[in-house]
Structures are given as C-alpha cells and as structure tokens.
C-alpha atoms as a PDB file:
ATOM      1  CA  MET A   1       7.316 -41.957  78.585  1.00  0.00           C
ATOM      2  CA  THR A   2       4.391 -39.734  79.496  1.00  0.00           C
ATOM      3  CA  ASP A   3       1.584 -39.522  76.907  1.00  0.00           C
ATOM      4  CA  ILE A   4      -0.042 -36.125  76.521  1.00  0.00           C
ATOM      5  CA  GLN A   5      -3.838 -36.180  76.283  1.00  0.00           C
ATOM      6  CA  GLN A   6      -4.762 -35.311  72.686  1.00  0.00           C
ATOM      7  CA  THR A   7      -8.569 -35.515  72.912  1.00  0.00           C
ATOM      8  CA  THR A   8     -10.314 -32.328  73.958  1.00  0.00           C
ATOM      9  CA  PRO A   9     -13.405 -32.518  76.198  1.00  0.00           C
ATOM     10  CA  GLU A  10     -15.469 -31.235  73.278  1.00  0.00           C
ATOM     11  CA  GLU A  11     -14.217 -34.000  70.969  1.00  0.00           C
ATOM     12  CA  ALA A  12     -14.853 -36.608  73.636  1.00  0.00           C
ATOM     13  CA  ALA A  13     -18.381 -35.309  74.195  1.00  0.00           C
ATOM     14  CA  GLY A  14     -19.048 -35.422  70.432  1.00  0.00           C
ATOM     15  CA  LYS A  15     -17.874 -39.028  70.165  1.00  0.00           C
ATOM     16  CA  ALA A  16     -19.957 -40.009  73.189  1.00  0.00           C
ATOM     17  CA  ALA A  17     -23.038 -38.353  71.671  1.00  0.00           C
ATOM     18  CA  VAL A  18     -22.615 -40.400  68.482  1.00  0.00           C
ATOM     19  CA  LEU A  19     -22.319 -43.622  70.478  1.00  0.00           C
ATOM     20  CA  VAL A  20     -25.372 -42.804  72.588  1.00  0.00           C
ATOM     21  CA  GLU A  21     -27.418 -41.919  69.485  1.00  0.00           C
ATOM     22  CA  SER A  22     -26.586 -45.328  67.995  1.00  0.00           C
ATOM     23  CA  LEU A  23     -27.814 -47.283  71.052  1.00  0.00           C
ATOM     24  CA  PRO A  24     -31.534 -47.615  70.187  1.00  0.00           C
ATOM     25  CA  TRP A  25     -30.637 -48.601  66.624  1.00  0.00           C
ATOM     26  CA  LEU A  26     -28.119 -51.177  67.844  1.00  0.00           C
ATOM     27  CA  GLN A  27     -30.881 -52.630  70.023  1.00  0.00           C
ATOM     28  CA  ARG A  28     -33.383 -52.563  67.171  1.00  0.00           C
ATOM     29  CA  PHE A  29     -31.187 -54.251  64.564  1.00  0.00           C
ATOM     30  CA  ARG A  30     -29.446 -56.798  66.792  1.00  0.00           C
ATOM     31  CA  ASP A  31     -30.157 -60.358  65.571  1.00  0.00           C
ATOM     32  CA  GLN A  32     -32.080 -58.903  62.593  1.00  0.00           C
ATOM     33  CA  ILE A  33     -31.316 -59.516  58.914  1.00  0.00           C
ATOM     34  CA  VAL A  34     -30.362 -56.477  56.836  1.00  0.00           C
ATOM     35  CA  VAL A  35     -29.865 -56.943  53.071  1.00  0.00           C
ATOM     36  CA  ILE A  36     -27.413 -54.494  51.491  1.00  0.00           C
ATOM     37  CA  LYS A  37     -27.036 -54.059  47.745  1.00  0.00           C
ATOM     38  CA  TYR A  38     -23.465 -53.022  46.976  1.00  0.00           C
ATOM     39  CA  GLY A  39     -22.671 -51.162  43.760  1.00  0.00           C
ATOM     40  CA  GLY A  40     -21.827 -47.895  42.049  1.00  0.00           C
ATOM     41  CA  ASN A  41     -18.754 -45.868  42.969  1.00  0.00           C
ATOM     42  CA  ALA A  42     -18.533 -47.656  46.318  1.00  0.00           C
ATOM     43  CA  MET A  43     -17.517 -50.718  44.312  1.00  0.00           C
ATOM     44  CA  VAL A  44     -14.733 -49.154  42.222  1.00  0.00           C
ATOM     45  CA  SER A  45     -13.070 -46.727  44.665  1.00  0.00           C
ATOM     46  CA  GLU A  46     -10.358 -48.321  46.843  1.00  0.00           C
ATOM     47  CA  GLU A  47     -11.164 -45.997  49.751  1.00  0.00           C
ATOM     48  CA  LEU A  48     -14.897 -46.697  49.558  1.00  0.00           C
ATOM     49  CA  GLN A  49     -14.350 -50.459  49.201  1.00  0.00           C
ATOM     50  CA  ALA A  50     -12.359 -50.402  52.438  1.00  0.00           C
ATOM     51  CA  ALA A  51     -14.996 -48.299  54.236  1.00  0.00           C
ATOM     52  CA  PHE A  52     -17.796 -50.616  53.070  1.00  0.00           C
ATOM     53  CA  ALA A  53     -15.916 -53.678  54.301  1.00  0.00           C
ATOM     54  CA  GLU A  54     -15.445 -51.967  57.686  1.00  0.00           C
ATOM     55  CA  ASP A  55     -19.182 -51.214  57.838  1.00  0.00           C
ATOM     56  CA  ILE A  56     -20.105 -54.849  57.172  1.00  0.00           C
ATOM     57  CA  ALA A  57     -17.568 -56.066  59.747  1.00  0.00           C
ATOM     58  CA  TYR A  58     -18.961 -53.597  62.293  1.00  0.00           C
ATOM     59  CA  LEU A  59     -22.533 -54.774  61.715  1.00  0.00           C
ATOM     60  CA  HIS A  60     -21.451 -58.382  62.169  1.00  0.00           C
ATOM     61  CA  HIS A  61     -19.527 -57.668  65.359  1.00  0.00           C
ATOM     62  CA  VAL A  62     -22.456 -55.827  67.005  1.00  0.00           C
ATOM     63  CA  GLY A  63     -24.865 -58.682  66.301  1.00  0.00           C
ATOM     64  CA  VAL A  64     -26.634 -57.498  63.130  1.00  0.00           C
ATOM     65  CA  LYS A  65     -26.968 -60.115  60.358  1.00  0.00           C
ATOM     66  CA  PRO A  66     -25.913 -58.414  57.105  1.00  0.00           C
ATOM     67  CA  VAL A  67     -26.392 -60.101  53.723  1.00  0.00           C
ATOM     68  CA  VAL A  68     -24.626 -58.437  50.777  1.00  0.00           C
ATOM     69  CA  VAL A  69     -25.837 -58.644  47.146  1.00  0.00           C
ATOM     70  CA  HIS A  70     -23.709 -57.168  44.358  1.00  0.00           C
ATOM     71  CA  GLY A  71     -23.709 -56.635  40.619  1.00  0.00           C
ATOM     72  CA  GLY A  72     -20.809 -55.220  38.646  1.00  0.00           C
ATOM     73  CA  GLY A  73     -21.843 -53.266  35.552  1.00  0.00           C
ATOM     74  CA  PRO A  74     -18.714 -51.112  35.099  1.00  0.00           C
ATOM     75  CA  GLN A  75     -16.343 -54.040  35.624  1.00  0.00           C
ATOM     76  CA  ILE A  76     -18.334 -56.200  33.187  1.00  0.00           C
ATOM     77  CA  SER A  77     -18.179 -53.445  30.551  1.00  0.00           C
ATOM     78  CA  THR A  78     -14.418 -53.120  31.033  1.00  0.00           C
ATOM     79  CA  MET A  79     -13.849 -56.851  30.594  1.00  0.00           C
ATOM     80  CA  LEU A  80     -16.115 -57.088  27.531  1.00  0.00           C
ATOM     81  CA  ASP A  81     -14.179 -54.219  25.943  1.00  0.00           C
ATOM     82  CA  ARG A  82     -10.866 -55.886  26.764  1.00  0.00           C
ATOM     83  CA  LEU A  83     -12.040 -59.123  25.115  1.00  0.00           C
ATOM     84  CA  ALA A  84     -13.520 -57.216  22.141  1.00  0.00           C
ATOM     85  CA  ILE A  85     -17.008 -58.579  22.794  1.00  0.00           C
ATOM     86  CA  PRO A  86     -19.681 -56.114  21.600  1.00  0.00           C
ATOM     87  CA  SER A  87     -21.753 -54.570  24.411  1.00  0.00           C
ATOM     88  CA  GLU A  88     -25.171 -53.123  23.613  1.00  0.00           C
ATOM     89  CA  PHE A  89     -27.873 -51.616  25.825  1.00  0.00           C
ATOM     90  CA  LYS A  90     -31.606 -51.538  25.129  1.00  0.00           C
ATOM     91  CA  GLY A  91     -34.003 -49.737  27.438  1.00  0.00           C
ATOM     92  CA  GLY A  92     -31.318 -49.495  30.120  1.00  0.00           C
ATOM     93  CA  TYR A  93     -30.582 -53.251  30.063  1.00  0.00           C
ATOM     94  CA  ARG A  94     -27.379 -54.869  28.808  1.00  0.00           C
ATOM     95  CA  VAL A  95     -28.039 -57.255  25.902  1.00  0.00           C
ATOM     96  CA  THR A  96     -26.195 -60.372  27.063  1.00  0.00           C
ATOM     97  CA  SER A  97     -25.163 -62.883  24.411  1.00  0.00           C
ATOM     98  CA  THR A  98     -24.085 -66.456  25.140  1.00  0.00           C
ATOM     99  CA  GLU A  99     -20.480 -65.276  24.837  1.00  0.00           C
ATOM    100  CA  ALA A 100     -21.110 -62.313  27.135  1.00  0.00           C
ATOM    101  CA  ILE A 101     -22.846 -64.294  29.908  1.00  0.00           C
ATOM    102  CA  GLY A 102     -19.637 -66.267  30.392  1.00  0.00           C
ATOM    103  CA  VAL A 103     -17.807 -62.994  30.967  1.00  0.00           C
ATOM    104  CA  VAL A 104     -20.543 -61.754  33.331  1.00  0.00           C
ATOM    105  CA  ARG A 105     -20.196 -64.896  35.447  1.00  0.00           C
ATOM    106  CA  MET A 106     -16.405 -64.646  35.402  1.00  0.00           C
ATOM    107  CA  VAL A 107     -16.389 -61.015  36.550  1.00  0.00           C
ATOM    108  CA  LEU A 108     -19.121 -61.347  39.191  1.00  0.00           C
ATOM    109  CA  ALA A 109     -18.208 -64.712  40.711  1.00  0.00           C
ATOM    110  CA  GLY A 110     -14.500 -64.796  39.880  1.00  0.00           C
ATOM    111  CA  GLN A 111     -13.385 -61.211  40.405  1.00  0.00           C
ATOM    112  CA  ILE A 112     -15.754 -58.938  42.356  1.00  0.00           C
ATOM    113  CA  ASN A 113     -17.143 -61.506  44.780  1.00  0.00           C
ATOM    114  CA  PRO A 114     -13.823 -62.898  46.082  1.00  0.00           C
ATOM    115  CA  GLN A 115     -12.314 -59.400  46.285  1.00  0.00           C
ATOM    116  CA  LEU A 116     -15.196 -58.185  48.449  1.00  0.00           C
ATOM    117  CA  VAL A 117     -15.108 -61.326  50.619  1.00  0.00           C
ATOM    118  CA  SER A 118     -11.357 -60.840  51.097  1.00  0.00           C
ATOM    119  CA  ARG A 119     -11.779 -57.200  52.127  1.00  0.00           C
ATOM    120  CA  ILE A 120     -14.433 -58.051  54.709  1.00  0.00           C
ATOM    121  CA  ASN A 121     -12.396 -60.972  56.005  1.00  0.00           C
ATOM    122  CA  ALA A 122      -9.492 -58.639  56.732  1.00  0.00           C
ATOM    123  CA  HIS A 123     -11.569 -57.850  59.859  1.00  0.00           C
ATOM    124  CA  GLY A 124     -12.281 -61.480  60.785  1.00  0.00           C
ATOM    125  CA  SER A 125     -12.923 -64.670  58.851  1.00  0.00           C
ATOM    126  CA  PHE A 126     -16.711 -64.608  58.592  1.00  0.00           C
ATOM    127  CA  ALA A 127     -17.653 -63.514  55.047  1.00  0.00           C
ATOM    128  CA  THR A 128     -18.442 -66.226  52.510  1.00  0.00           C
ATOM    129  CA  GLY A 129     -18.992 -65.809  48.775  1.00  0.00           C
ATOM    130  CA  MET A 130     -21.769 -67.400  46.767  1.00  0.00           C
ATOM    131  CA  SER A 131     -23.687 -66.955  43.537  1.00  0.00           C
ATOM    132  CA  GLY A 132     -27.415 -66.886  42.958  1.00  0.00           C
ATOM    133  CA  GLU A 133     -26.807 -70.204  41.181  1.00  0.00           C
ATOM    134  CA  ASP A 134     -25.546 -71.886  44.364  1.00  0.00           C
ATOM    135  CA  ALA A 135     -27.866 -74.276  46.243  1.00  0.00           C
ATOM    136  CA  GLY A 136     -30.875 -73.093  44.223  1.00  0.00           C
ATOM    137  CA  LEU A 137     -30.760 -69.636  45.825  1.00  0.00           C
ATOM    138  CA  PHE A 138     -32.291 -67.775  42.855  1.00  0.00           C
ATOM    139  CA  ARG A 139     -34.480 -68.985  40.023  1.00  0.00           C
ATOM    140  CA  GLY A 140     -34.569 -66.763  36.949  1.00  0.00           C
ATOM    141  CA  ARG A 141     -36.652 -66.396  33.812  1.00  0.00           C
ATOM    142  CA  ARG A 142     -35.604 -64.575  30.646  1.00  0.00           C
ATOM    143  CA  ARG A 143     -37.126 -61.194  29.985  1.00  0.00           C
ATOM    144  CA  GLY A 144     -37.261 -58.779  27.091  1.00  0.00           C
ATOM    145  CA  VAL A 145     -37.730 -55.029  27.112  1.00  0.00           C
ATOM    146  CA  VAL A 146     -40.184 -52.744  25.332  1.00  0.00           C
ATOM    147  CA  VAL A 147     -38.572 -49.740  23.602  1.00  0.00           C
ATOM    148  CA  ASP A 148     -40.763 -47.320  21.641  1.00  0.00           C
ATOM    149  CA  GLY A 149     -43.597 -49.839  21.663  1.00  0.00           C
ATOM    150  CA  ALA A 150     -41.519 -52.717  20.293  1.00  0.00           C
ATOM    151  CA  GLU A 151     -40.387 -55.808  22.227  1.00  0.00           C
ATOM    152  CA  HIS A 152     -36.629 -56.478  22.143  1.00  0.00           C
ATOM    153  CA  ASP A 153     -34.807 -59.656  23.128  1.00  0.00           C
ATOM    154  CA  LEU A 154     -32.054 -59.160  25.713  1.00  0.00           C
ATOM    155  CA  GLY A 155     -30.422 -62.572  25.473  1.00  0.00           C
ATOM    156  CA  HIS A 156     -29.303 -64.036  28.798  1.00  0.00           C
ATOM    157  CA  VAL A 157     -31.025 -61.405  30.939  1.00  0.00           C
ATOM    158  CA  GLY A 158     -33.789 -62.272  33.351  1.00  0.00           C
ATOM    159  CA  ASP A 159     -35.886 -61.584  36.405  1.00  0.00           C
ATOM    160  CA  VAL A 160     -35.684 -63.405  39.726  1.00  0.00           C
ATOM    161  CA  VAL A 161     -38.905 -65.441  39.858  1.00  0.00           C
ATOM    162  CA  GLY A 162     -38.104 -67.538  42.918  1.00  0.00           C
ATOM    163  CA  VAL A 163     -35.820 -67.565  45.958  1.00  0.00           C
ATOM    164  CA  ASP A 164     -34.846 -70.452  48.222  1.00  0.00           C
ATOM    165  CA  PRO A 165     -33.151 -68.747  51.189  1.00  0.00           C
ATOM    166  CA  THR A 166     -32.128 -72.005  52.921  1.00  0.00           C
ATOM    167  CA  ALA A 167     -28.422 -71.682  52.097  1.00  0.00           C
ATOM    168  CA  ILE A 168     -28.329 -68.038  53.277  1.00  0.00           C
ATOM    169  CA  LEU A 169     -30.103 -68.921  56.524  1.00  0.00           C
ATOM    170  CA  ASP A 170     -27.610 -71.743  57.095  1.00  0.00           C
ATOM    171  CA  HIS A 171     -24.708 -69.300  56.697  1.00  0.00           C
ATOM    172  CA  LEU A 172     -26.342 -66.790  59.054  1.00  0.00           C
ATOM    173  CA  ALA A 173     -26.952 -69.516  61.628  1.00  0.00           C
ATOM    174  CA  ALA A 174     -23.231 -70.318  61.406  1.00  0.00           C
ATOM    175  CA  ASP A 175     -22.448 -66.613  62.098  1.00  0.00           C
ATOM    176  CA  ARG A 176     -21.241 -65.917  58.552  1.00  0.00           C
ATOM    177  CA  VAL A 177     -21.860 -62.947  56.262  1.00  0.00           C
ATOM    178  CA  PRO A 178     -23.097 -64.161  52.839  1.00  0.00           C
ATOM    179  CA  VAL A 179     -21.893 -62.137  49.830  1.00  0.00           C
ATOM    180  CA  VAL A 180     -24.064 -62.962  46.798  1.00  0.00           C
ATOM    181  CA  SER A 181     -23.425 -62.240  43.103  1.00  0.00           C
ATOM    182  CA  SER A 182     -26.487 -61.513  40.961  1.00  0.00           C
ATOM    183  CA  ILE A 183     -26.507 -64.479  38.579  1.00  0.00           C
ATOM    184  CA  ALA A 184     -29.493 -66.838  38.399  1.00  0.00           C
ATOM    185  CA  PRO A 185     -30.061 -70.206  36.705  1.00  0.00           C
ATOM    186  CA  ASP A 186     -32.633 -70.147  33.898  1.00  0.00           C
ATOM    187  CA  VAL A 187     -35.656 -72.202  35.027  1.00  0.00           C
ATOM    188  CA  ASP A 188     -36.694 -72.756  31.408  1.00  0.00           C
ATOM    189  CA  GLN A 189     -33.244 -73.775  30.131  1.00  0.00           C
ATOM    190  CA  PRO A 190     -31.408 -75.942  32.679  1.00  0.00           C
ATOM    191  CA  GLY A 191     -27.675 -75.358  32.541  1.00  0.00           C
ATOM    192  CA  SER A 192     -28.126 -71.800  31.254  1.00  0.00           C
ATOM    193  CA  SER A 193     -27.394 -68.704  33.353  1.00  0.00           C
ATOM    194  CA  LEU A 194     -29.036 -65.293  33.455  1.00  0.00           C
ATOM    195  CA  ASN A 195     -27.715 -61.852  34.333  1.00  0.00           C
ATOM    196  CA  VAL A 196     -30.280 -60.426  36.781  1.00  0.00           C
ATOM    197  CA  ASN A 197     -30.614 -56.870  38.071  1.00  0.00           C
ATOM    198  CA  ALA A 198     -28.856 -56.728  41.447  1.00  0.00           C
ATOM    199  CA  ASP A 199     -31.356 -54.224  42.912  1.00  0.00           C
ATOM    200  CA  ALA A 200     -34.283 -56.514  42.101  1.00  0.00           C
ATOM    201  CA  ALA A 201     -32.360 -59.582  43.297  1.00  0.00           C
ATOM    202  CA  ALA A 202     -31.589 -57.884  46.618  1.00  0.00           C
ATOM    203  CA  ALA A 203     -35.264 -56.956  47.074  1.00  0.00           C
ATOM    204  CA  ALA A 204     -36.437 -60.505  46.319  1.00  0.00           C
ATOM    205  CA  LEU A 205     -33.875 -61.914  48.756  1.00  0.00           C
ATOM    206  CA  ALA A 206     -34.842 -59.406  51.475  1.00  0.00           C
ATOM    207  CA  VAL A 207     -38.483 -60.500  51.176  1.00  0.00           C
ATOM    208  CA  ALA A 208     -37.614 -64.218  51.247  1.00  0.00           C
ATOM    209  CA  LEU A 209     -35.403 -63.755  54.318  1.00  0.00           C
ATOM    210  CA  GLY A 210     -37.924 -61.619  56.223  1.00  0.00           C
ATOM    211  CA  ALA A 211     -35.283 -58.893  56.452  1.00  0.00           C
ATOM    212  CA  VAL A 212     -35.981 -55.892  58.645  1.00  0.00           C
ATOM    213  CA  LYS A 213     -34.394 -53.520  56.123  1.00  0.00           C
ATOM    214  CA  LEU A 214     -33.107 -53.313  52.533  1.00  0.00           C
ATOM    215  CA  VAL A 215     -30.333 -50.793  51.840  1.00  0.00           C
ATOM    216  CA  ILE A 216     -29.316 -50.007  48.237  1.00  0.00           C
ATOM    217  CA  LEU A 217     -26.058 -48.146  47.630  1.00  0.00           C
ATOM    218  CA  THR A 218     -26.151 -45.852  44.611  1.00  0.00           C
ATOM    219  CA  ASP A 219     -24.321 -42.843  43.145  1.00  0.00           C
ATOM    220  CA  VAL A 220     -26.761 -40.112  44.139  1.00  0.00           C
ATOM    221  CA  ALA A 221     -27.706 -38.671  47.519  1.00  0.00           C
ATOM    222  CA  GLY A 222     -31.198 -40.156  47.303  1.00  0.00           C
ATOM    223  CA  LEU A 223     -34.516 -39.511  45.603  1.00  0.00           C
ATOM    224  CA  TYR A 224     -35.204 -35.947  44.482  1.00  0.00           C
ATOM    225  CA  ALA A 225     -38.837 -34.842  44.278  1.00  0.00           C
ATOM    226  CA  ASP A 226     -37.926 -32.171  41.728  1.00  0.00           C
ATOM    227  CA  TRP A 227     -34.673 -33.177  40.005  1.00  0.00           C
ATOM    228  CA  PRO A 228     -32.260 -31.412  39.384  1.00  0.00           C
ATOM    229  CA  ASN A 229     -33.264 -29.133  42.283  1.00  0.00           C
ATOM    230  CA  ARG A 230     -30.750 -30.205  44.961  1.00  0.00           C
ATOM    231  CA  ASP A 231     -32.988 -28.875  47.720  1.00  0.00           C
ATOM    232  CA  SER A 232     -35.753 -31.364  46.891  1.00  0.00           C
ATOM    233  CA  LEU A 233     -34.057 -34.433  48.394  1.00  0.00           C
ATOM    234  CA  VAL A 234     -36.709 -36.665  50.012  1.00  0.00           C
ATOM    235  CA  SER A 235     -35.610 -38.299  53.273  1.00  0.00           C
ATOM    236  CA  HIS A 236     -38.752 -40.338  53.983  1.00  0.00           C
ATOM    237  CA  LEU A 237     -41.854 -41.369  52.049  1.00  0.00           C
ATOM    238  CA  THR A 238     -44.523 -44.065  52.003  1.00  0.00           C
ATOM    239  CA  ALA A 239     -44.923 -46.760  49.368  1.00  0.00           C
ATOM    240  CA  THR A 240     -48.106 -45.056  48.147  1.00  0.00           C
ATOM    241  CA  GLU A 241     -46.285 -41.744  47.690  1.00  0.00           C
ATOM    242  CA  LEU A 242     -43.424 -43.448  45.867  1.00  0.00           C
ATOM    243  CA  ARG A 243     -45.767 -45.339  43.532  1.00  0.00           C
ATOM    244  CA  ALA A 244     -47.161 -42.001  42.378  1.00  0.00           C
ATOM    245  CA  LEU A 245     -43.642 -40.664  41.707  1.00  0.00           C
ATOM    246  CA  VAL A 246     -42.150 -43.653  39.842  1.00  0.00           C
ATOM    247  CA  PRO A 247     -43.457 -42.778  36.324  1.00  0.00           C
ATOM    248  CA  SER A 248     -41.762 -39.362  36.507  1.00  0.00           C
ATOM    249  CA  LEU A 249     -38.356 -40.594  37.719  1.00  0.00           C
ATOM    250  CA  GLU A 250     -35.094 -40.686  35.780  1.00  0.00           C
ATOM    251  CA  SER A 251     -34.766 -44.058  34.015  1.00  0.00           C
ATOM    252  CA  GLY A 252     -31.681 -45.031  36.037  1.00  0.00           C
ATOM    253  CA  MET A 253     -33.499 -44.434  39.323  1.00  0.00           C
ATOM    254  CA  ILE A 254     -36.604 -46.476  38.466  1.00  0.00           C
ATOM    255  CA  PRO A 255     -35.115 -49.988  39.071  1.00  0.00           C
ATOM    256  CA  LYS A 256     -33.763 -48.901  42.467  1.00  0.00           C
ATOM    257  CA  MET A 257     -36.999 -47.324  43.653  1.00  0.00           C
ATOM    258  CA  GLN A 258     -39.017 -50.238  42.228  1.00  0.00           C
ATOM    259  CA  ALA A 259     -36.795 -52.580  44.274  1.00  0.00           C
ATOM    260  CA  CYS A 260     -37.604 -50.541  47.397  1.00  0.00           C
ATOM    261  CA  LEU A 261     -41.318 -50.787  46.589  1.00  0.00           C
ATOM    262  CA  ASP A 262     -41.123 -54.536  45.956  1.00  0.00           C
ATOM    263  CA  ALA A 263     -39.318 -55.063  49.271  1.00  0.00           C
ATOM    264  CA  VAL A 264     -41.792 -53.037  51.355  1.00  0.00           C
ATOM    265  CA  ASP A 265     -44.771 -54.566  49.534  1.00  0.00           C
ATOM    266  CA  GLY A 266     -43.300 -57.977  50.342  1.00  0.00           C
ATOM    267  CA  GLY A 267     -43.161 -57.321  54.080  1.00  0.00           C
ATOM    268  CA  VAL A 268     -39.718 -55.757  54.625  1.00  0.00           C
ATOM    269  CA  ASP A 269     -40.145 -53.035  57.265  1.00  0.00           C
ATOM    270  CA  ARG A 270     -38.076 -50.372  55.516  1.00  0.00           C
ATOM    271  CA  ALA A 271     -36.084 -49.913  52.317  1.00  0.00           C
ATOM    272  CA  ALA A 272     -33.616 -47.142  51.573  1.00  0.00           C
ATOM    273  CA  ILE A 273     -31.350 -45.891  48.823  1.00  0.00           C
ATOM    274  CA  ILE A 274     -28.207 -44.203  50.104  1.00  0.00           C
ATOM    275  CA  ASP A 275     -25.201 -42.413  48.638  1.00  0.00           C
ATOM    276  CA  GLY A 276     -22.445 -45.000  48.305  1.00  0.00           C
ATOM    277  CA  ARG A 277     -19.988 -42.189  47.478  1.00  0.00           C
ATOM    278  CA  GLN A 278     -19.991 -41.224  51.157  1.00  0.00           C
ATOM    279  CA  PRO A 279     -17.643 -43.329  53.324  1.00  0.00           C
ATOM    280  CA  HIS A 280     -19.475 -45.392  55.968  1.00  0.00           C
ATOM    281  CA  SER A 281     -22.878 -44.461  54.542  1.00  0.00           C
ATOM    282  CA  VAL A 282     -24.277 -47.851  55.645  1.00  0.00           C
ATOM    283  CA  LEU A 283     -23.508 -47.152  59.315  1.00  0.00           C
ATOM    284  CA  VAL A 284     -24.874 -43.618  59.095  1.00  0.00           C
ATOM    285  CA  GLU A 285     -28.104 -44.914  57.523  1.00  0.00           C
ATOM    286  CA  LEU A 286     -28.669 -47.650  60.090  1.00  0.00           C
ATOM    287  CA  PHE A 287     -27.471 -46.050  63.317  1.00  0.00           C
ATOM    288  CA  THR A 288     -28.530 -42.394  63.202  1.00  0.00           C
ATOM    289  CA  GLN A 289     -31.921 -40.775  63.617  1.00  0.00           C
ATOM    290  CA  ARG A 290     -32.267 -39.228  60.163  1.00  0.00           C
ATOM    291  CA  GLY A 291     -30.079 -41.569  58.113  1.00  0.00           C
ATOM    292  CA  ILE A 292     -28.358 -40.422  54.956  1.00  0.00           C
ATOM    293  CA  GLY A 293     -30.606 -41.237  51.971  1.00  0.00           C
ATOM    294  CA  THR A 294     -34.256 -41.811  51.082  1.00  0.00           C
ATOM    295  CA  GLU A 295     -36.226 -44.307  53.173  1.00  0.00           C
ATOM    296  CA  VAL A 296     -39.439 -45.995  52.036  1.00  0.00           C
ATOM    297  CA  VAL A 297     -41.971 -47.489  54.462  1.00  0.00           C
ATOM    298  CA  ALA A 298     -45.340 -49.194  54.043  1.00  0.00           C
ATOM    299  CA  GLY A 299     -48.444 -47.077  53.782  1.00  0.00           C
END
C-alpha cells in the first residue's frame, strides 16, 4: 500500500531547525553531570510524569549524565491526613514528629522513588533508586526555624551538612541514572532520619559531584523581578544580582533561589529554576539558546 507523505516541507524545516539548534548543547553536555530536582506539579500530573521520564531517558541516551533528586510534599501531606497524623508548618517548614518521619520515609522511598524509577525504565533499564541514607550519601543535622524572633523546633527536619558522592559516581560509571529521595541520616543521633529540603539537597549533591548544571523544577515560570508583574520574568542573572534580590522574594521562592546560589557558589557552572508545568521543560532548558526559566551564573 502506498503511503502518502504527511509532513510538509515547512514542518520538516522546523523540525530540522530544532535539531540543529540542539547540536552545540548536545556537544556541551555530553559526558557531563546534570543534577535535576524533580517536584511540584510535574510530580503529581500523569502527563507531566511521563514527559519528565522521557526527558531523563533522552538525556541518558545522548550521553548526558542526569542525576535526579526528589522530595514529595503533597504526597506526604496526603498520607499524613489519611493516617490522621497531625501536620503543622512553621516558617514554611513541615514540623516532623517521630511518627511523621516514618511516613515521610515510606512515601519518599517506598512510593515516589520506585514509581519514578519505573517510569524512566519504561525507556530502558538504567534508572536506579536510592535514598540519601544509602551508602552514606547525605549526612544531616537537625535544624530549627526562627519565626517572629523566636526559635522553633521542627523535629526530624535537617540540613545536609555533608555529601559522599561515591555511590552516585559508581552508578554513573555503570551507565545508570540515580534517582535520590531527600532523606538524610542524623549525624548526631545514629539510627535517626531527617527530612531535608530537596532543593538544598540537590544543590549540595551538584556541588559534590562537580555537576555542570543544576536544574530545579517548580510551579512558576521562573523568577520575577517585580512579582506579580508577569512581564518581569528574569531569564538570566548573576549570583551577585540574585543575592541582592533574595530578601525581597516570596517565601516559597527563597529556598529554590538559595539552592541556585549555593550551587553556583560551590562551583557548579549554572543553576536554573524552570516551570515543571510545561511538558519537556528539562529538554527545552538544556538544549535551546534561551532556555525556559531563570538561569543563575557566577559573577
């Protein structure tokens, strides 16, 4: 049976232009480590989960070395509600009781992580799941939070104070894609676990790995210089410029932009926040001239 050509010359030319535009970026990122923090709507939408898994598979197949770090705030809240465990926030941080940290571990390592690994592995068996507790990857220390001048205890919540990237490097050397959940062992209380901010964990890991780029998926288009003015979206800025902006940012944006700063200050070439609500935003950010979000560089 004769097949009728369905692609117009214009469509073909457009597809070719996209491929040609990606060439210098493919050359630049080949054999380089890129750390991607996965979260927000991209994590809960079926369509966006599938698109993200395709992006990671694509990066792997073209020779980039992606490392994925994820949290899971909405899913943790849902499970705590289902189990009737009280959930309280102070200063933007979840207060995590001994009872709640068990649920956090269960959701991150037992639900989200294997689901994401399975989705990526639908494109080839190369993704592998792990926790920040595995092989001494992360070391954490409990932290509190200051609200209205008073210090508040957050329970099993901490900061990443050390990273041993050996296990990740071993996986990368074996041509695997590590998918890491943001739990860390408590260095001061052996056997105890801490819920750590996934943005900060991704930044610390990017620095320890000598990554060429950190990409943080979020639920906004990027950083706005004059929020809520939609025309003030910033596509590129230096670390010095960002440092001056941080005190005036929305509270939810501060941890993400601080993670970008920490990464660049630690030697990562570039860090970006991108809109995870857009399908294939990771590929657009990495392989096009202007990207899709807000990129931070040293300077």
